[in-house]
């Protein structure tokens, strides 16, 4: 392949590929043919598909596959039959363009079934079939549908330049940092920035871009490499590759901590020079200093976020390795504490509010009740300031558990009721209860019942009803430990 470092070189290459594709469609009119088009990047694919629409002179049908589809043949047939009899459709149709194959969940099954009925394609579709695929899909096509693939000539490839790939990687990394540091939404989930539905495609694009850059001998700058370590750590976490995730986060953290220190030192140098320069230079120094303020702030926020994610990794390890759970909870506590301290030093209380509940949860697991009480009271003030109902409900729940362990049954009863009523407000506002919210409700019903157990016979009877309701709402797959706690409490009351 020719040098493709600059956008104009990639554009010229893609125009040649586009002409090849249009010529292949034109030469295959009236007969079945399989045309494979390779493109690893969604944005580029959208751009090139639009150019095909604009420049192709023949009637063209686009078939976008659902991620749940199990066969390639049926969606094409159904698309042709949408506007009438299939034979009338095929008489006027010159080509069909198939998109979305890389997003199909059961791709191996789809390709296997396609290979088994490959003769039906030739019998039923007398027109060229343009199949858009990624490099990863091509490898699976060769493996699971070799006979079907053998009908295609060499694939037609669309590419991005080195500059475009580097910019794509930078945008992906910056976007992930920005979404997770978004203070307008205080709720956080490890699926929020990279939904699992699109996470696989995201990872494939990332790895494809890095592979393409390596083949062309292009290097990434250290800051981008550190940002991509964070992205890779994030990806590994979503697939439970926790040790690998920790290694990626640690490498990213090491860079941004160093960058933060260097920029702060530079800022100090600028201020020192300001003291010895004359008044005529003062304006330029102030401007220079203002630029040095922005970067350290940006780097220090990344440091805080990486510390948080390391805490999340050890939280996950505590759940995966019960025999070492206390050690992992302590490691998680240390990282979460550092995370909160970083955001406090950066004077970003809204980010403290976003992440402080994770430290509260770890203290609860460690049964550090005095520390938990102090932190939960602090968290409650923050969450009331930012009107975060779900987090306020969590704070009341933490305080209820503290009260239970202090045998303060009335206080526990009141805090558990506050948790439930606050959560109900959040549910009313969002009109739908997510699984975590249902789990919170189940937990607060358990805490309420545990306090009622010690408040007289009438309250004990109500406790049984609350526990039964809690068990009904509890998703044992999401939190089996909570379900066991509820069952144990029910057994003792029965």
Protein backbone atom coordinates (compact mmCIF):
# COMPACT_ATOMS: atom_id res chain seq x y z
CA UNK A 1 0.00 0.00 0.00
CA UNK A 2 1.25 3.52 -0.79
CA UNK A 3 2.12 6.02 1.92
CA UNK A 4 -1.15 7.22 3.46
CA UNK A 5 0.05 9.58 6.15
CA UNK A 6 -1.78 12.65 4.79
CA UNK A 7 -5.56 13.03 4.26
CA UNK A 8 -5.22 13.91 0.57
CA UNK A 9 -3.34 10.67 -0.10
CA UNK A 10 -6.06 8.60 1.61
CA UNK A 11 -8.75 10.54 -0.26
CA UNK A 12 -7.14 9.73 -3.61
CA UNK A 13 -6.82 6.06 -2.64
CA UNK A 14 -10.50 5.95 -1.63
CA UNK A 15 -11.62 7.55 -4.86
CA UNK A 16 -9.85 4.79 -6.80
CA UNK A 17 -11.55 2.21 -4.60
CA UNK A 18 -14.91 3.91 -5.16
CA UNK A 19 -14.49 3.76 -8.94
CA UNK A 20 -13.57 0.08 -8.67
CA UNK A 21 -16.72 -0.59 -6.63
CA UNK A 22 -19.00 1.27 -9.05
CA UNK A 23 -17.43 -0.55 -12.00
CA UNK A 24 -17.95 -3.93 -10.28
CA UNK A 25 -21.65 -3.12 -9.74
CA UNK A 26 -22.05 -2.05 -13.38
CA UNK A 27 -20.36 -5.17 -14.78
CA UNK A 28 -22.53 -7.51 -12.68
CA UNK A 29 -25.95 -6.26 -13.76
CA UNK A 30 -28.52 -9.02 -14.19
CA UNK A 31 -26.50 -11.70 -12.42
CA UNK A 32 -25.50 -12.59 -8.88
CA UNK A 33 -22.04 -11.59 -7.74
CA UNK A 34 -20.50 -11.09 -4.32
CA UNK A 35 -18.55 -7.86 -3.80
CA UNK A 36 -16.65 -7.50 -0.52
CA UNK A 37 -15.91 -3.96 0.67
CA UNK A 38 -13.49 -3.63 3.60
CA UNK A 39 -13.74 -0.65 5.94
CA UNK A 40 -12.77 -0.64 9.61
CA UNK A 41 -14.18 2.73 10.67
CA UNK A 42 -17.85 3.66 11.03
CA UNK A 43 -17.32 7.33 10.20
CA UNK A 44 -15.43 6.50 7.00
CA UNK A 45 -18.02 3.91 6.04
CA UNK A 46 -20.83 6.47 6.36
CA UNK A 47 -18.90 8.89 4.17
CA UNK A 48 -18.18 6.33 1.44
CA UNK A 49 -21.70 4.86 1.47
CA UNK A 50 -23.03 8.36 0.84
CA UNK A 51 -20.73 8.72 -2.15
CA UNK A 52 -21.93 5.37 -3.51
CA UNK A 53 -25.51 6.64 -3.24
CA UNK A 54 -24.64 9.81 -5.10
CA UNK A 55 -22.53 8.29 -7.88
CA UNK A 56 -24.15 4.92 -8.54
CA UNK A 57 -26.55 5.28 -11.53
CA UNK A 58 -28.43 2.02 -10.87
CA UNK A 59 -31.32 1.28 -8.43
CA UNK A 60 -29.69 0.28 -5.14
CA UNK A 61 -31.26 -1.32 -2.10
CA UNK A 62 -29.63 -0.91 1.34
CA UNK A 63 -30.16 -3.61 3.96
CA UNK A 64 -29.08 -2.71 7.50
CA UNK A 65 -28.79 -5.83 9.63
CA UNK A 66 -30.14 -5.88 13.18
CA UNK A 67 -27.62 -7.00 15.79
CA UNK A 68 -29.90 -9.92 16.72
CA UNK A 69 -30.21 -11.36 13.18
CA UNK A 70 -29.29 -15.04 12.81
CA UNK A 71 -29.13 -15.37 9.02
CA UNK A 72 -28.01 -13.20 6.10
CA UNK A 73 -30.39 -14.64 3.50
CA UNK A 74 -33.72 -13.83 5.19
CA UNK A 75 -33.14 -10.09 5.87
CA UNK A 76 -32.23 -9.56 2.20
CA UNK A 77 -35.30 -11.45 1.03
CA UNK A 78 -37.55 -9.56 3.46
CA UNK A 79 -36.14 -6.23 2.33
CA UNK A 80 -36.89 -7.06 -1.29
CA UNK A 81 -40.46 -8.10 -0.46
CA UNK A 82 -41.32 -4.98 1.52
CA UNK A 83 -42.83 -3.18 -1.48
CA UNK A 84 -44.36 -6.12 -3.26
CA UNK A 85 -43.65 -9.41 -4.94
CA UNK A 86 -40.01 -10.46 -4.72
CA UNK A 87 -39.71 -11.28 -8.42
CA UNK A 88 -40.92 -7.83 -9.48
CA UNK A 89 -38.41 -6.30 -7.08
CA UNK A 90 -35.47 -8.30 -8.39
CA UNK A 91 -36.34 -7.46 -11.98
CA UNK A 92 -35.73 -3.73 -11.37
CA UNK A 93 -33.09 -3.97 -8.66
CA UNK A 94 -29.47 -3.58 -9.79
CA UNK A 95 -27.66 -4.16 -6.47
CA UNK A 96 -28.14 -4.68 -2.75
CA UNK A 97 -25.76 -3.18 -0.20
CA UNK A 98 -25.53 -4.97 3.16
CA UNK A 99 -24.49 -2.93 6.22
CA UNK A 100 -24.11 -3.74 9.93
CA UNK A 101 -22.51 -7.17 9.71
CA UNK A 102 -19.80 -6.18 12.22
CA UNK A 103 -22.49 -5.46 14.85
CA UNK A 104 -24.24 -8.85 14.65
CA UNK A 105 -24.01 -10.63 18.00
CA UNK A 106 -24.22 -14.22 16.69
CA UNK A 107 -21.91 -13.55 13.73
CA UNK A 108 -20.35 -17.03 13.69
CA UNK A 109 -23.79 -18.62 13.49
CA UNK A 110 -24.89 -16.22 10.75
CA UNK A 111 -21.85 -16.93 8.60
CA UNK A 112 -22.16 -20.68 9.08
CA UNK A 113 -25.81 -20.64 7.98
CA UNK A 114 -24.91 -18.39 5.04
CA UNK A 115 -22.34 -20.92 3.86
CA UNK A 116 -24.89 -23.72 4.11
CA UNK A 117 -27.46 -21.97 1.87
CA UNK A 118 -25.06 -20.18 -0.46
CA UNK A 119 -26.71 -21.64 -3.59
CA UNK A 120 -29.95 -19.88 -2.62
CA UNK A 121 -28.24 -16.52 -2.99
CA UNK A 122 -27.35 -17.24 -6.61
CA UNK A 123 -30.80 -18.68 -7.34
CA UNK A 124 -32.86 -15.89 -5.75
CA UNK A 125 -30.76 -12.74 -6.14
CA UNK A 126 -29.81 -12.00 -9.79
CA UNK A 127 -27.91 -8.85 -8.90
CA UNK A 128 -24.61 -7.94 -7.20
CA UNK A 129 -24.51 -8.18 -3.42
CA UNK A 130 -22.23 -5.54 -1.88
CA UNK A 131 -21.15 -6.73 1.57
CA UNK A 132 -19.51 -4.10 3.82
CA UNK A 133 -17.15 -5.80 6.28
CA UNK A 134 -14.28 -5.00 8.63
CA UNK A 135 -10.95 -6.84 8.66
CA UNK A 136 -12.15 -8.80 11.69
CA UNK A 137 -15.34 -9.86 9.89
CA UNK A 138 -13.30 -10.87 6.84
CA UNK A 139 -11.28 -13.29 8.95
CA UNK A 140 -14.48 -14.84 10.29
CA UNK A 141 -15.92 -15.00 6.78
CA UNK A 142 -12.89 -16.98 5.64
CA UNK A 143 -13.24 -19.31 8.62
CA UNK A 144 -17.01 -19.88 8.83
CA UNK A 145 -18.19 -19.29 5.23
CA UNK A 146 -15.27 -20.24 2.96
CA UNK A 147 -17.47 -21.50 0.12
CA UNK A 148 -19.60 -18.36 0.12
CA UNK A 149 -16.52 -16.15 0.30
CA UNK A 150 -14.91 -17.97 -2.64
CA UNK A 151 -17.49 -16.35 -4.93
CA UNK A 152 -15.95 -12.91 -4.31
CA UNK A 153 -12.96 -11.42 -6.08
CA UNK A 154 -10.34 -9.46 -4.14
CA UNK A 155 -11.97 -7.16 -1.62
CA UNK A 156 -12.21 -3.40 -2.20
CA UNK A 157 -10.66 -1.41 0.64
CA UNK A 158 -11.35 2.06 2.02
CA UNK A 159 -8.78 3.61 4.36
CA UNK A 160 -8.10 6.55 6.65
CA UNK A 161 -4.87 8.54 6.57
CA UNK A 162 -2.39 8.43 9.41
CA UNK A 163 -3.37 11.94 10.46
CA UNK A 164 -7.06 10.98 10.44
CA UNK A 165 -6.39 7.83 12.47
CA UNK A 166 -4.44 9.76 15.10
CA UNK A 167 -7.23 12.33 15.30
CA UNK A 168 -9.81 9.53 15.57
CA UNK A 169 -7.91 7.98 18.47
CA UNK A 170 -7.52 11.36 20.16
CA UNK A 171 -11.24 12.08 19.83
CA UNK A 172 -12.20 8.68 21.26
CA UNK A 173 -9.91 9.13 24.26
CA UNK A 174 -10.88 12.76 24.90
CA UNK A 175 -14.56 11.92 24.53
CA UNK A 176 -14.31 9.15 27.11
CA UNK A 177 -12.48 11.37 29.60
CA UNK A 178 -15.01 14.16 29.04
CA UNK A 179 -18.06 11.92 29.48
CA UNK A 180 -16.79 10.39 32.69
CA UNK A 181 -15.83 13.77 34.12
CA UNK A 182 -19.16 15.29 33.12
CA UNK A 183 -20.41 16.97 36.27
CA UNK A 184 -23.89 17.62 34.84
CA UNK A 185 -24.79 14.00 35.57
CA UNK A 186 -23.81 12.72 39.00
CA UNK A 187 -24.83 9.14 38.24
CA UNK A 188 -22.03 6.83 37.15
CA UNK A 189 -22.05 3.35 35.74
CA UNK A 190 -19.20 1.32 34.31
CA UNK A 191 -21.37 0.94 31.21
CA UNK A 192 -22.20 4.63 30.88
CA UNK A 193 -19.25 5.83 28.70
CA UNK A 194 -18.96 2.63 26.61
CA UNK A 195 -22.29 0.78 26.33
CA UNK A 196 -21.65 -2.92 25.90
CA UNK A 197 -23.84 -2.88 22.81
CA UNK A 198 -21.28 -0.73 21.00
CA UNK A 199 -18.23 -1.57 23.11
CA UNK A 200 -17.08 -4.39 20.85
CA UNK A 201 -17.16 -2.20 17.75
CA UNK A 202 -15.36 0.55 19.66
CA UNK A 203 -12.56 -1.82 20.65
CA UNK A 204 -12.21 -3.15 17.11
CA UNK A 205 -11.89 0.36 15.69
CA UNK A 206 -9.29 1.23 18.31
CA UNK A 207 -7.19 -1.85 17.60
CA UNK A 208 -7.58 -1.44 13.83
CA UNK A 209 -6.36 2.14 14.01
CA UNK A 210 -3.32 1.16 16.09
CA UNK A 211 -2.53 -1.72 13.74
CA UNK A 212 -2.78 0.50 10.66
CA UNK A 213 -0.49 3.08 12.26
CA UNK A 214 2.09 0.46 13.20
CA UNK A 215 2.12 -0.92 9.66
CA UNK A 216 2.85 2.55 8.35
CA UNK A 217 5.55 3.16 10.93
CA UNK A 218 3.76 6.13 12.50
CA UNK A 219 4.34 6.87 16.20
CA UNK A 220 1.91 8.24 18.77
CA UNK A 221 2.88 11.06 21.09
CA UNK A 222 3.23 10.06 24.79
CA UNK A 223 0.09 11.90 25.89
CA UNK A 224 -2.07 10.10 23.35
CA UNK A 225 -0.48 6.78 24.30
CA UNK A 226 -1.35 7.45 27.94
CA UNK A 227 -4.92 8.36 27.02
CA UNK A 228 -5.28 5.17 25.00
CA UNK A 229 -3.99 3.16 27.95
CA UNK A 230 -6.99 4.53 29.84
CA UNK A 231 -9.34 3.54 27.00
CA UNK A 232 -7.87 0.05 26.86
CA UNK A 233 -8.14 -0.30 30.60
CA UNK A 234 -11.77 0.72 30.34
CA UNK A 235 -12.41 -1.83 27.62
CA UNK A 236 -10.72 -4.62 29.58
CA UNK A 237 -12.77 -3.79 32.68
CA UNK A 238 -16.05 -4.25 30.79
CA UNK A 239 -14.95 -7.78 29.83
CA UNK A 240 -13.70 -8.65 33.34
CA UNK A 241 -10.02 -8.69 32.37
CA UNK A 242 -9.28 -6.92 35.62
CA UNK A 243 -5.54 -7.49 35.97
CA UNK A 244 -4.97 -6.26 32.43
CA UNK A 245 -7.21 -3.29 33.14
CA UNK A 246 -5.15 -2.41 36.24
CA UNK A 247 -1.91 -2.55 34.23
CA UNK A 248 -3.33 -0.17 31.58
CA UNK A 249 -4.61 2.26 34.23
CA UNK A 250 -1.29 2.24 36.08
CA UNK A 251 0.64 3.12 32.93
CA UNK A 252 -1.78 5.92 32.12
CA UNK A 253 -1.68 7.19 35.71
CA UNK A 254 2.13 7.25 35.75
CA UNK A 255 2.19 9.50 32.69
CA UNK A 256 -0.47 11.97 33.84
CA UNK A 257 1.00 12.22 37.34
CA UNK A 258 4.38 13.07 35.80
CA UNK A 259 2.79 15.55 33.40
CA UNK A 260 0.90 17.16 36.25
CA UNK A 261 4.09 17.57 38.29
CA UNK A 262 6.04 18.98 35.33
CA UNK A 263 3.33 21.48 34.46
CA UNK A 264 3.02 22.64 38.04
CA UNK A 265 6.81 23.12 38.14
CA UNK A 266 6.62 25.09 34.92
CA UNK A 267 3.88 27.20 36.39
CA UNK A 268 6.07 27.92 39.40
CA UNK A 269 8.95 28.93 37.09
CA UNK A 270 6.69 31.35 35.24
CA UNK A 271 5.66 32.94 38.53
CA UNK A 272 9.31 33.20 39.64
CA UNK A 273 10.25 34.94 36.40
CA UNK A 274 7.37 37.32 36.91
CA UNK A 275 9.04 38.67 40.04
CA UNK A 276 12.21 39.70 38.17
CA UNK A 277 10.76 41.02 34.93
CA UNK A 278 9.86 44.62 34.48
CA UNK A 279 6.41 46.02 34.23
CA UNK A 280 6.45 46.17 30.42
CA UNK A 281 6.66 42.38 30.26
CA UNK A 282 3.97 41.76 32.85
CA UNK A 283 1.09 41.24 30.46
CA UNK A 284 2.81 38.49 28.47
CA UNK A 285 3.80 36.72 31.68
CA UNK A 286 0.22 36.73 32.96
CA UNK A 287 -0.99 35.29 29.66
CA UNK A 288 1.70 32.61 29.80
CA UNK A 289 0.75 31.80 33.37
CA UNK A 290 -2.92 31.49 32.44
CA UNK A 291 -2.04 28.87 29.86
CA UNK A 292 -0.08 26.89 32.43
CA UNK A 293 -3.08 26.84 34.77
CA UNK A 294 -5.34 25.06 32.31
CA UNK A 295 -3.18 22.04 31.54
CA UNK A 296 -2.38 21.05 35.15
CA UNK A 297 -6.08 21.25 36.00
CA UNK A 298 -6.90 19.01 33.03
CA UNK A 299 -4.16 16.51 33.93
CA UNK A 300 -5.04 16.43 37.61
CA UNK A 301 -8.66 15.57 36.77
CA UNK A 302 -7.44 12.66 34.67
CA UNK A 303 -5.31 11.55 37.63
CA UNK A 304 -8.42 11.62 39.85
CA UNK A 305 -10.44 9.64 37.32
CA UNK A 306 -7.72 7.01 36.91
CA UNK A 307 -7.49 6.60 40.69
CA UNK A 308 -11.24 6.07 40.75
CA UNK A 309 -11.04 3.38 38.08
CA UNK A 310 -8.26 1.59 39.92
CA UNK A 311 -10.55 1.59 42.94
CA UNK A 312 -13.28 0.08 40.77
CA UNK A 313 -10.92 -2.67 39.65
CA UNK A 314 -10.17 -3.71 43.22
CA UNK A 315 -13.88 -3.52 44.06
CA UNK A 316 -14.48 -5.97 41.24
CA UNK A 317 -11.65 -8.22 42.42
CA UNK A 318 -13.18 -8.24 45.91
CA UNK A 319 -16.38 -9.64 44.41
CA UNK A 320 -14.57 -12.13 42.17
CA UNK A 321 -12.20 -13.39 44.89
CA UNK A 322 -14.12 -13.77 48.17
CA UNK A 323 -11.13 -15.35 49.91
CA UNK A 324 -9.12 -12.13 49.35
CA UNK A 325 -12.02 -9.71 49.51
CA UNK A 326 -10.92 -7.77 52.60
CA UNK A 327 -7.48 -7.09 51.13
CA UNK A 328 -9.06 -5.90 47.87
CA UNK A 329 -11.61 -3.74 49.70
CA UNK A 330 -8.74 -2.01 51.48
CA UNK A 331 -6.94 -1.43 48.18
CA UNK A 332 -10.14 -0.01 46.72
CA UNK A 333 -10.54 2.25 49.76
CA UNK A 334 -7.04 3.66 49.31
CA UNK A 335 -7.58 4.49 45.64
CA UNK A 336 -11.02 6.01 46.24
CA UNK A 337 -9.65 8.14 49.06
CA UNK A 338 -6.87 9.42 46.80
CA UNK A 339 -9.44 10.12 44.08
CA UNK A 340 -11.57 12.24 46.43
CA UNK A 341 -8.51 14.08 47.73
CA UNK A 342 -7.43 14.94 44.17
CA UNK A 343 -10.82 16.40 43.27
CA UNK A 344 -10.96 18.32 46.56
CA UNK A 345 -7.51 19.82 45.96
CA UNK A 346 -8.62 20.73 42.44
CA UNK A 347 -11.63 22.52 44.01
CA UNK A 348 -14.15 20.42 42.06
CA UNK A 349 -16.85 19.62 44.65
CA UNK A 350 -19.25 18.43 41.93
CA UNK A 351 -16.79 15.65 41.06
CA UNK A 352 -16.35 14.81 44.73
CA UNK A 353 -20.14 14.48 44.86
CA UNK A 354 -20.09 12.20 41.81
CA UNK A 355 -17.58 9.70 43.18
CA UNK A 356 -17.79 9.88 46.97
CA UNK A 357 -20.52 7.22 47.28
CA UNK A 358 -18.11 4.57 46.02
CA UNK A 359 -15.84 5.22 48.98
CA UNK A 360 -18.86 5.04 51.29
CA UNK A 361 -19.75 1.62 49.89
CA UNK A 362 -16.22 0.32 50.47
CA UNK A 363 -16.27 1.57 54.08
CA UNK A 364 -19.58 -0.25 54.53
CA UNK A 365 -18.03 -3.46 53.25
CA UNK A 366 -15.09 -2.98 55.63
CA UNK A 367 -17.55 -2.29 58.48
CA UNK A 368 -15.70 0.93 59.29
CA UNK A 369 -18.82 2.41 60.85
CA UNK A 370 -17.34 5.57 62.43
CA UNK A 371 -15.56 6.51 59.18
CA UNK A 372 -18.68 5.69 57.19
CA UNK A 373 -20.88 7.91 59.36
CA UNK A 374 -18.54 10.86 58.95
CA UNK A 375 -18.20 10.40 55.19
CA UNK A 376 -21.91 9.72 54.57
CA UNK A 377 -22.88 12.91 56.41
CA UNK A 378 -20.39 14.83 54.27
CA UNK A 379 -21.71 13.15 51.12
CA UNK A 380 -25.31 13.99 52.05
CA UNK A 381 -24.53 17.70 52.20
CA UNK A 382 -22.87 17.54 48.78
CA UNK A 383 -25.69 15.57 47.18
CA UNK A 384 -28.32 17.91 48.62
CA UNK A 385 -26.35 20.82 47.16
CA UNK A 386 -26.48 19.26 43.70
CA UNK A 387 -30.03 17.91 44.07
CA UNK A 388 -28.96 14.31 43.41
CA UNK A 389 -31.83 12.21 44.74
CA UNK A 390 -30.41 8.78 44.00
CA UNK A 391 -27.17 9.62 45.76
CA UNK A 392 -29.05 11.16 48.70
CA UNK A 393 -30.98 7.91 49.05
CA UNK A 394 -27.66 6.05 49.16
CA UNK A 395 -26.42 8.40 51.89
CA UNK A 396 -29.52 7.76 54.02
CA UNK A 397 -29.00 4.03 53.46
CA UNK A 398 -25.40 4.22 54.67
CA UNK A 399 -26.50 6.14 57.77
CA UNK A 400 -29.22 3.56 58.41
CA UNK A 401 -26.62 0.77 58.41
CA UNK A 402 -24.42 2.77 60.78
CA UNK A 403 -27.36 3.20 63.14
CA UNK A 404 -28.19 -0.52 62.98
CA UNK A 405 -24.67 -1.42 63.97
CA UNK A 406 -24.89 1.06 66.86
CA UNK A 407 -28.18 -0.60 67.97
CA UNK A 408 -29.92 2.74 67.42
CA UNK A 409 -33.12 1.19 66.08
CA UNK A 410 -35.25 4.35 65.88
CA UNK A 411 -32.51 6.26 64.03
CA UNK A 412 -32.06 3.32 61.64
CA UNK A 413 -35.83 3.20 61.05
CA UNK A 414 -35.93 6.90 60.23
CA UNK A 415 -32.91 6.82 57.92
CA UNK A 416 -34.20 3.76 56.04
CA UNK A 417 -37.56 5.48 55.50
CA UNK A 418 -35.77 8.59 54.26
CA UNK A 419 -33.79 6.43 51.82
CA UNK A 420 -36.99 4.86 50.46
CA UNK A 421 -38.91 8.13 50.14
CA UNK A 422 -35.96 9.87 48.46
CA UNK A 423 -35.52 6.98 46.06
CA UNK A 424 -39.24 7.12 45.24
CA UNK A 425 -38.82 10.75 44.17
CA UNK A 426 -36.00 9.73 41.83
CA UNK A 427 -38.12 6.94 40.41
CA UNK A 428 -41.02 9.35 39.84
CA UNK A 429 -38.77 11.78 37.99
CA UNK A 430 -37.23 9.17 35.69
CA UNK A 431 -40.51 7.21 35.23
CA UNK A 432 -38.58 3.95 35.04
CA UNK A 433 -36.58 1.98 37.57
CA UNK A 434 -33.23 0.67 36.41
CA UNK A 435 -31.83 -2.54 37.89
CA UNK A 436 -29.51 -0.67 40.28
CA UNK A 437 -32.39 1.45 41.57
CA UNK A 438 -34.46 -1.67 42.17
CA UNK A 439 -31.53 -3.12 44.08
CA UNK A 440 -31.29 0.02 46.19
CA UNK A 441 -34.97 -0.24 47.04
CA UNK A 442 -34.50 -3.87 48.00
CA UNK A 443 -31.58 -2.93 50.26
CA UNK A 444 -33.48 -0.11 51.99
CA UNK A 445 -36.46 -2.38 52.61
CA UNK A 446 -34.06 -4.84 54.24
CA UNK A 447 -32.60 -2.10 56.46
CA UNK A 448 -36.09 -0.91 57.37
CA UNK A 449 -37.11 -4.44 58.31
CA UNK A 450 -33.98 -4.96 60.41
CA UNK A 451 -34.83 -1.87 62.44
CA UNK A 452 -38.51 -2.86 62.74
CA UNK A 453 -37.51 -6.21 64.16
CA UNK A 454 -36.44 -4.43 67.37
CA UNK A 455 -39.37 -2.00 67.60
CA UNK A 456 -42.14 -4.23 68.93
CA UNK A 457 -44.44 -7.03 67.73
CA UNK A 458 -46.47 -4.87 65.33
CA UNK A 459 -43.35 -3.56 63.65
CA UNK A 460 -41.94 -7.10 63.46
CA UNK A 461 -45.00 -8.18 61.46
CA UNK A 462 -44.49 -5.24 59.10
CA UNK A 463 -40.83 -6.26 58.82
CA UNK A 464 -41.84 -9.60 57.29
CA UNK A 465 -43.90 -7.83 54.63
CA UNK A 466 -41.00 -5.50 53.82
CA UNK A 467 -38.58 -8.39 53.55
CA UNK A 468 -40.90 -10.28 51.22
CA UNK A 469 -41.19 -7.15 49.09
CA UNK A 470 -37.41 -6.73 49.19
CA UNK A 471 -36.90 -10.32 48.04
CA UNK A 472 -39.35 -9.80 45.19
CA UNK A 473 -37.46 -6.74 43.97
CA UNK A 474 -33.96 -8.18 44.45
CA UNK A 475 -32.18 -9.44 41.35
CA UNK A 476 -30.03 -12.33 42.57
CA UNK A 477 -27.84 -12.16 39.45
CA UNK A 478 -27.02 -8.52 40.12
CA UNK A 479 -26.29 -8.91 43.83
CA UNK A 480 -26.52 -12.46 45.21
CA UNK A 481 -25.06 -11.31 48.57
CA UNK A 482 -28.02 -8.98 49.13
CA UNK A 483 -30.51 -11.75 48.34
CA UNK A 484 -28.81 -14.01 50.89
CA UNK A 485 -29.01 -11.25 53.52
CA UNK A 486 -32.75 -10.87 52.87
CA UNK A 487 -33.36 -14.63 53.06
CA UNK A 488 -31.39 -14.88 56.29
CA UNK A 489 -33.42 -12.03 57.83
CA UNK A 490 -36.68 -13.65 56.70
CA UNK A 491 -35.72 -16.98 58.20
CA UNK A 492 -34.96 -15.39 61.56
CA UNK A 493 -38.32 -13.56 61.61
CA UNK A 494 -40.32 -16.59 60.44
